[in-house]
Amino acid sequence: MANLMCVCFVLLSIIVVVSGDACEGDRQDMVRECGQYQKWPAEPKLDPSNACCAVWQKANIPCLCASVTKDIEKRWCMDKVAYVANFCKKPFAHGYKCGSYTFPSLAL
């Protein structure tokens, strides 16, 4: 029984480390490829590059949003984040929370 618990603990530890690393990779890719499209000021909103959209398509958005702090929101314009997400065809659902920001419904 102790061996089974030890194996479960090791597997859980590996999953947590791998998940954290995957999110950090997404974060670095997002900064590198999308940063210029998502930073303040709120205007102008620029269409993101294909490379940025590729990052959006593969990124673990719930993981990234879980780590958004007030400090990050001071650097990243969440209205622009929504614009980029919509442009890249991976929009946020109405009411989705990312950090302290709640995404409004999409304007038609």
C-alpha atoms as a PDB file:
ATOM      1  CA  MET A   1       0.000   0.000   0.000  1.00  0.00           C
ATOM      2  CA  ALA A   2       2.849   2.375   0.842  1.00  0.00           C
ATOM      3  CA  ASN A   3       4.414   1.658  -2.568  1.00  0.00           C
ATOM      4  CA  LEU A   4       1.132   2.481  -4.326  1.00  0.00           C
ATOM      5  CA  MET A   5       0.858   5.782  -2.440  1.00  0.00           C
ATOM      6  CA  CYS A   6       4.463   6.595  -3.307  1.00  0.00           C
ATOM      7  CA  VAL A   7       3.839   5.878  -7.010  1.00  0.00           C
ATOM      8  CA  CYS A   8       0.685   8.037  -6.953  1.00  0.00           C
ATOM      9  CA  PHE A   9       2.590  10.889  -5.315  1.00  0.00           C
ATOM     10  CA  VAL A  10       5.380  10.694  -7.912  1.00  0.00           C
ATOM     11  CA  LEU A  11       2.868  10.658 -10.790  1.00  0.00           C
ATOM     12  CA  LEU A  12       0.975  13.609  -9.336  1.00  0.00           C
ATOM     13  CA  SER A  13       4.239  15.521  -8.891  1.00  0.00           C
ATOM     14  CA  ILE A  14       5.195  14.876 -12.511  1.00  0.00           C
ATOM     15  CA  ILE A  15       1.780  16.019 -13.745  1.00  0.00           C
ATOM     16  CA  VAL A  16       2.002  19.253 -11.729  1.00  0.00           C
ATOM     17  CA  VAL A  17       5.526  19.999 -12.969  1.00  0.00           C
ATOM     18  CA  VAL A  18       4.651  19.229 -16.605  1.00  0.00           C
ATOM     19  CA  SER A  19       1.460  21.322 -16.390  1.00  0.00           C
ATOM     20  CA  GLY A  20       3.366  24.251 -14.917  1.00  0.00           C
ATOM     21  CA  ASP A  21       6.043  24.011 -17.589  1.00  0.00           C
ATOM     22  CA  ALA A  22       3.437  23.876 -20.377  1.00  0.00           C
ATOM     23  CA  CYS A  23       1.739  26.988 -19.045  1.00  0.00           C
ATOM     24  CA  GLU A  24       5.064  28.809 -18.730  1.00  0.00           C
ATOM     25  CA  GLY A  25       5.885  27.914 -22.332  1.00  0.00           C
ATOM     26  CA  ASP A  26       2.499  29.272 -23.428  1.00  0.00           C
ATOM     27  CA  ARG A  27       3.149  32.433 -21.410  1.00  0.00           C
ATOM     28  CA  GLN A  28       6.544  32.975 -23.044  1.00  0.00           C
ATOM     29  CA  ASP A  29       5.115  32.303 -26.524  1.00  0.00           C
ATOM     30  CA  MET A  30       2.237  34.710 -25.853  1.00  0.00           C
ATOM     31  CA  VAL A  31       4.610  37.484 -24.759  1.00  0.00           C
ATOM     32  CA  ARG A  32       6.947  36.900 -27.705  1.00  0.00           C
ATOM     33  CA  GLU A  33       4.361  36.562 -30.481  1.00  0.00           C
ATOM     34  CA  CYS A  34       1.376  38.574 -29.203  1.00  0.00           C
ATOM     35  CA  GLY A  35       2.795  41.125 -26.784  1.00  0.00           C
ATOM     36  CA  GLN A  36       2.859  43.990 -29.242  1.00  0.00           C
ATOM     37  CA  TYR A  37      -0.840  43.485 -30.027  1.00  0.00           C
ATOM     38  CA  GLN A  38      -2.065  43.254 -26.428  1.00  0.00           C
ATOM     39  CA  LYS A  39      -0.235  45.980 -24.523  1.00  0.00           C
ATOM     40  CA  TRP A  40      -1.575  49.368 -23.476  1.00  0.00           C
ATOM     41  CA  PRO A  41      -2.691  51.835 -24.790  1.00  0.00           C
ATOM     42  CA  ALA A  42      -6.122  50.456 -25.684  1.00  0.00           C
ATOM     43  CA  GLU A  43      -6.024  52.072 -29.117  1.00  0.00           C
ATOM     44  CA  PRO A  44      -5.162  51.357 -31.808  1.00  0.00           C
ATOM     45  CA  LYS A  45      -6.133  47.716 -32.001  1.00  0.00           C
ATOM     46  CA  LEU A  46      -3.942  45.992 -34.572  1.00  0.00           C
ATOM     47  CA  ASP A  47      -4.700  42.718 -36.323  1.00  0.00           C
ATOM     48  CA  PRO A  48      -2.316  40.126 -34.881  1.00  0.00           C
ATOM     49  CA  SER A  49       0.160  38.132 -36.928  1.00  0.00           C
ATOM     50  CA  ASN A  50      -0.340  34.543 -38.037  1.00  0.00           C
ATOM     51  CA  ALA A  51       2.312  33.534 -35.482  1.00  0.00           C
ATOM     52  CA  CYS A  52       0.329  35.206 -32.695  1.00  0.00           C
ATOM     53  CA  CYS A  53      -2.861  33.440 -33.777  1.00  0.00           C
ATOM     54  CA  ALA A  54      -1.010  30.121 -33.840  1.00  0.00           C
ATOM     55  CA  VAL A  55      -0.023  30.717 -30.204  1.00  0.00           C
ATOM     56  CA  TRP A  56      -3.645  31.560 -29.306  1.00  0.00           C
ATOM     57  CA  GLN A  57      -4.910  28.385 -30.968  1.00  0.00           C
ATOM     58  CA  LYS A  58      -2.630  26.093 -28.959  1.00  0.00           C
ATOM     59  CA  ALA A  59      -2.385  27.991 -25.660  1.00  0.00           C
ATOM     60  CA  ASN A  60      -3.890  26.697 -22.433  1.00  0.00           C
ATOM     61  CA  ILE A  61      -5.975  29.812 -21.811  1.00  0.00           C
ATOM     62  CA  PRO A  62      -7.453  28.690 -18.436  1.00  0.00           C
ATOM     63  CA  CYS A  63      -3.912  28.107 -17.160  1.00  0.00           C
ATOM     64  CA  LEU A  64      -2.741  31.501 -18.429  1.00  0.00           C
ATOM     65  CA  CYS A  65      -5.777  33.315 -17.020  1.00  0.00           C
ATOM     66  CA  ALA A  66      -5.290  31.721 -13.619  1.00  0.00           C
ATOM     67  CA  SER A  67      -1.956  33.516 -13.305  1.00  0.00           C
ATOM     68  CA  VAL A  68      -3.123  36.984 -14.432  1.00  0.00           C
ATOM     69  CA  THR A  69      -2.504  39.467 -11.636  1.00  0.00           C
ATOM     70  CA  LYS A  70      -3.330  43.167 -11.238  1.00  0.00           C
ATOM     71  CA  ASP A  71       0.298  43.887 -12.189  1.00  0.00           C
ATOM     72  CA  ILE A  72      -0.093  41.950 -15.433  1.00  0.00           C
ATOM     73  CA  GLU A  73      -3.350  43.792 -16.123  1.00  0.00           C
ATOM     74  CA  LYS A  74      -1.405  47.059 -15.845  1.00  0.00           C
ATOM     75  CA  ARG A  75       0.823  45.893 -18.710  1.00  0.00           C
ATOM     76  CA  TRP A  76      -1.698  43.988 -20.826  1.00  0.00           C
ATOM     77  CA  CYS A  77      -4.856  45.685 -22.091  1.00  0.00           C
ATOM     78  CA  MET A  78      -7.596  43.120 -21.583  1.00  0.00           C
ATOM     79  CA  ASP A  79      -9.746  44.782 -24.267  1.00  0.00           C
ATOM     80  CA  LYS A  80      -6.889  44.136 -26.700  1.00  0.00           C
ATOM     81  CA  VAL A  81      -6.531  40.581 -25.391  1.00  0.00           C
ATOM     82  CA  ALA A  82     -10.224  40.066 -26.227  1.00  0.00           C
ATOM     83  CA  TYR A  83      -9.718  41.630 -29.665  1.00  0.00           C
ATOM     84  CA  VAL A  84      -6.791  39.321 -30.443  1.00  0.00           C
ATOM     85  CA  ALA A  85      -8.679  36.265 -29.150  1.00  0.00           C
ATOM     86  CA  ASN A  86     -11.670  37.115 -31.368  1.00  0.00           C
ATOM     87  CA  PHE A  87      -9.488  37.831 -34.397  1.00  0.00           C
ATOM     88  CA  CYS A  88      -7.700  34.504 -33.921  1.00  0.00           C
ATOM     89  CA  LYS A  89     -11.063  32.695 -33.748  1.00  0.00           C
ATOM     90  CA  LYS A  90     -10.692  31.604 -30.129  1.00  0.00           C
ATOM     91  CA  PRO A  91     -12.921  34.129 -28.352  1.00  0.00           C
ATOM     92  CA  PHE A  92     -13.622  34.224 -24.657  1.00  0.00           C
ATOM     93  CA  ALA A  93     -17.119  33.244 -23.573  1.00  0.00           C
ATOM     94  CA  HIS A  94     -19.313  35.983 -22.125  1.00  0.00           C
ATOM     95  CA  GLY A  95     -18.594  36.247 -18.420  1.00  0.00           C
ATOM     96  CA  TYR A  96     -15.243  34.399 -18.581  1.00  0.00           C
ATOM     97  CA  LYS A  97     -12.828  35.665 -15.929  1.00  0.00           C
ATOM     98  CA  CYS A  98      -9.165  36.203 -16.643  1.00  0.00           C
ATOM     99  CA  GLY A  99      -7.477  37.649 -13.584  1.00  0.00           C
ATOM    100  CA  SER A 100      -9.909  40.250 -12.262  1.00  0.00           C
ATOM    101  CA  TYR A 101     -11.244  41.032 -15.756  1.00  0.00           C
ATOM    102  CA  THR A 102     -14.601  39.621 -16.836  1.00  0.00           C
ATOM    103  CA  PHE A 103     -15.079  39.435 -20.593  1.00  0.00           C
ATOM    104  CA  PRO A 104     -18.237  41.099 -21.900  1.00  0.00           C
ATOM    105  CA  SER A 105     -20.388  39.630 -24.644  1.00  0.00           C
ATOM    106  CA  LEU A 106     -19.021  39.935 -28.156  1.00  0.00           C
ATOM    107  CA  ALA A 107     -20.030  43.026 -30.067  1.00  0.00           C
ATOM    108  CA  LEU A 108     -21.683  42.145 -33.356  1.00  0.00           C
END
